[in-house]
Amino acid sequence: MPKNEVGQIVTASSGNIFADLGFADAEERKTKVRLAYSTNKILERRRIPQAEAARHLGINQPTVGCRLRCADSLTENPTEGG
């Protein structure tokens, strides 16, 4: 088994962290993260405030804020590794 520089056993990712963790709906979860990540990047690029984004998306502003934070905390690059 491969080990890192301090001797810990390392397991390669499948490219889907949710599958690696055993979630039955891993592909759905990965897709949702990728969608949220892409949406966040569009909002940033266009400099759209959360309140305006909420109107466009048909959801309330706190939901937009939560989704922005959740997607950012889950990934920096959702396509990395697959």
C-alpha atoms as a PDB file:
ATOM      1  CA  MET A   1       0.000   0.000   0.000  1.00  0.00           C
ATOM      2  CA  PRO A   2       1.292   3.491  -0.822  1.00  0.00           C
ATOM      3  CA  LYS A   3       2.381   5.664   2.089  1.00  0.00           C
ATOM      4  CA  ASN A   4       2.922   9.387   2.460  1.00  0.00           C
ATOM      5  CA  GLU A   5       6.128  11.046   3.679  1.00  0.00           C
ATOM      6  CA  VAL A   6       5.261  10.389   7.355  1.00  0.00           C
ATOM      7  CA  GLY A   7       4.458   6.713   6.786  1.00  0.00           C
ATOM      8  CA  GLN A   8       0.648   6.907   6.774  1.00  0.00           C
ATOM      9  CA  ILE A   9      -1.218   4.625   4.379  1.00  0.00           C
ATOM     10  CA  VAL A  10      -2.710   6.612   1.500  1.00  0.00           C
ATOM     11  CA  THR A  11      -5.669   5.577  -0.644  1.00  0.00           C
ATOM     12  CA  ALA A  12      -6.155   7.162  -4.057  1.00  0.00           C
ATOM     13  CA  SER A  13      -9.463   8.918  -4.671  1.00  0.00           C
ATOM     14  CA  SER A  14     -11.930   7.628  -7.217  1.00  0.00           C
ATOM     15  CA  GLY A  15     -12.508  11.224  -8.295  1.00  0.00           C
ATOM     16  CA  ASN A  16     -15.783  11.418  -6.369  1.00  0.00           C
ATOM     17  CA  ILE A  17     -15.354  12.080  -2.652  1.00  0.00           C
ATOM     18  CA  PHE A  18     -18.978  11.126  -2.026  1.00  0.00           C
ATOM     19  CA  ALA A  19     -18.467   7.687  -3.586  1.00  0.00           C
ATOM     20  CA  ASP A  20     -15.241   7.294  -1.608  1.00  0.00           C
ATOM     21  CA  LEU A  21     -17.240   7.961   1.562  1.00  0.00           C
ATOM     22  CA  GLY A  22     -19.894   5.420   0.581  1.00  0.00           C
ATOM     23  CA  PHE A  23     -22.876   7.636  -0.225  1.00  0.00           C
ATOM     24  CA  ALA A  24     -25.487   5.790  -2.296  1.00  0.00           C
ATOM     25  CA  ASP A  25     -26.345   9.021  -4.160  1.00  0.00           C
ATOM     26  CA  ALA A  26     -22.704   9.967  -4.807  1.00  0.00           C
ATOM     27  CA  GLU A  27     -23.174  11.048  -8.440  1.00  0.00           C
ATOM     28  CA  GLU A  28     -26.144  13.248  -7.533  1.00  0.00           C
ATOM     29  CA  ARG A  29     -24.171  14.896  -4.741  1.00  0.00           C
ATOM     30  CA  LYS A  30     -21.180  15.485  -7.001  1.00  0.00           C
ATOM     31  CA  THR A  31     -23.456  17.004  -9.657  1.00  0.00           C
ATOM     32  CA  LYS A  32     -25.040  19.357  -7.110  1.00  0.00           C
ATOM     33  CA  VAL A  33     -21.627  20.552  -5.942  1.00  0.00           C
ATOM     34  CA  ARG A  34     -20.490  21.137  -9.512  1.00  0.00           C
ATOM     35  CA  LEU A  35     -23.687  23.083 -10.272  1.00  0.00           C
ATOM     36  CA  ALA A  36     -23.304  25.215  -7.144  1.00  0.00           C
ATOM     37  CA  TYR A  37     -19.636  25.837  -7.920  1.00  0.00           C
ATOM     38  CA  SER A  38     -20.420  26.900 -11.493  1.00  0.00           C
ATOM     39  CA  THR A  39     -23.263  29.142 -10.334  1.00  0.00           C
ATOM     40  CA  ASN A  40     -20.964  30.776  -7.776  1.00  0.00           C
ATOM     41  CA  LYS A  41     -18.333  31.491 -10.417  1.00  0.00           C
ATOM     42  CA  ILE A  42     -20.927  33.104 -12.709  1.00  0.00           C
ATOM     43  CA  LEU A  43     -22.230  35.282  -9.860  1.00  0.00           C
ATOM     44  CA  GLU A  44     -18.685  36.334  -8.953  1.00  0.00           C
ATOM     45  CA  ARG A  45     -17.708  37.076 -12.551  1.00  0.00           C
ATOM     46  CA  ARG A  46     -20.825  39.171 -13.134  1.00  0.00           C
ATOM     47  CA  ARG A  47     -20.585  40.747  -9.663  1.00  0.00           C
ATOM     48  CA  ILE A  48     -24.215  39.936  -8.938  1.00  0.00           C
ATOM     49  CA  PRO A  49     -25.231  40.581  -5.300  1.00  0.00           C
ATOM     50  CA  GLN A  50     -26.896  37.726  -3.401  1.00  0.00           C
ATOM     51  CA  ALA A  51     -30.272  39.487  -3.282  1.00  0.00           C
ATOM     52  CA  GLU A  52     -30.312  39.923  -7.058  1.00  0.00           C
ATOM     53  CA  ALA A  53     -29.127  36.342  -7.583  1.00  0.00           C
ATOM     54  CA  ALA A  54     -31.957  35.141  -5.359  1.00  0.00           C
ATOM     55  CA  ARG A  55     -34.512  36.936  -7.557  1.00  0.00           C
ATOM     56  CA  HIS A  56     -33.016  35.383 -10.717  1.00  0.00           C
ATOM     57  CA  LEU A  57     -32.899  31.902  -9.179  1.00  0.00           C
ATOM     58  CA  GLY A  58     -36.347  32.085  -7.572  1.00  0.00           C
ATOM     59  CA  ILE A  59     -35.043  31.453  -4.039  1.00  0.00           C
ATOM     60  CA  ASN A  60     -34.480  33.674  -1.014  1.00  0.00           C
ATOM     61  CA  GLN A  61     -31.210  35.479  -0.233  1.00  0.00           C
ATOM     62  CA  PRO A  62     -30.266  33.374   2.827  1.00  0.00           C
ATOM     63  CA  THR A  63     -30.518  30.255   0.663  1.00  0.00           C
ATOM     64  CA  VAL A  64     -28.181  31.818  -1.908  1.00  0.00           C
ATOM     65  CA  GLY A  65     -25.706  32.689   0.843  1.00  0.00           C
ATOM     66  CA  CYS A  66     -25.831  29.184   2.272  1.00  0.00           C
ATOM     67  CA  ARG A  67     -25.287  27.591  -1.115  1.00  0.00           C
ATOM     68  CA  LEU A  68     -22.368  29.886  -1.847  1.00  0.00           C
ATOM     69  CA  ARG A  69     -20.687  29.008   1.443  1.00  0.00           C
ATOM     70  CA  CYS A  70     -21.447  25.301   1.178  1.00  0.00           C
ATOM     71  CA  ALA A  71     -20.078  24.964  -2.346  1.00  0.00           C
ATOM     72  CA  ASP A  72     -16.958  26.947  -1.460  1.00  0.00           C
ATOM     73  CA  SER A  73     -16.292  24.791   1.572  1.00  0.00           C
ATOM     74  CA  LEU A  74     -16.674  21.548  -0.382  1.00  0.00           C
ATOM     75  CA  THR A  75     -14.405  22.228  -3.298  1.00  0.00           C
ATOM     76  CA  GLU A  76     -11.970  24.544  -4.977  1.00  0.00           C
ATOM     77  CA  ASN A  77     -12.105  22.611  -8.276  1.00  0.00           C
ATOM     78  CA  PRO A  78     -15.026  20.179  -8.679  1.00  0.00           C
ATOM     79  CA  THR A  79     -13.614  18.599 -11.839  1.00  0.00           C
ATOM     80  CA  GLU A  80     -10.248  17.717 -10.329  1.00  0.00           C
ATOM     81  CA  GLY A  81      -9.667  14.002 -10.532  1.00  0.00           C
ATOM     82  CA  GLY A  82     -12.613  13.351 -12.774  1.00  0.00           C
END
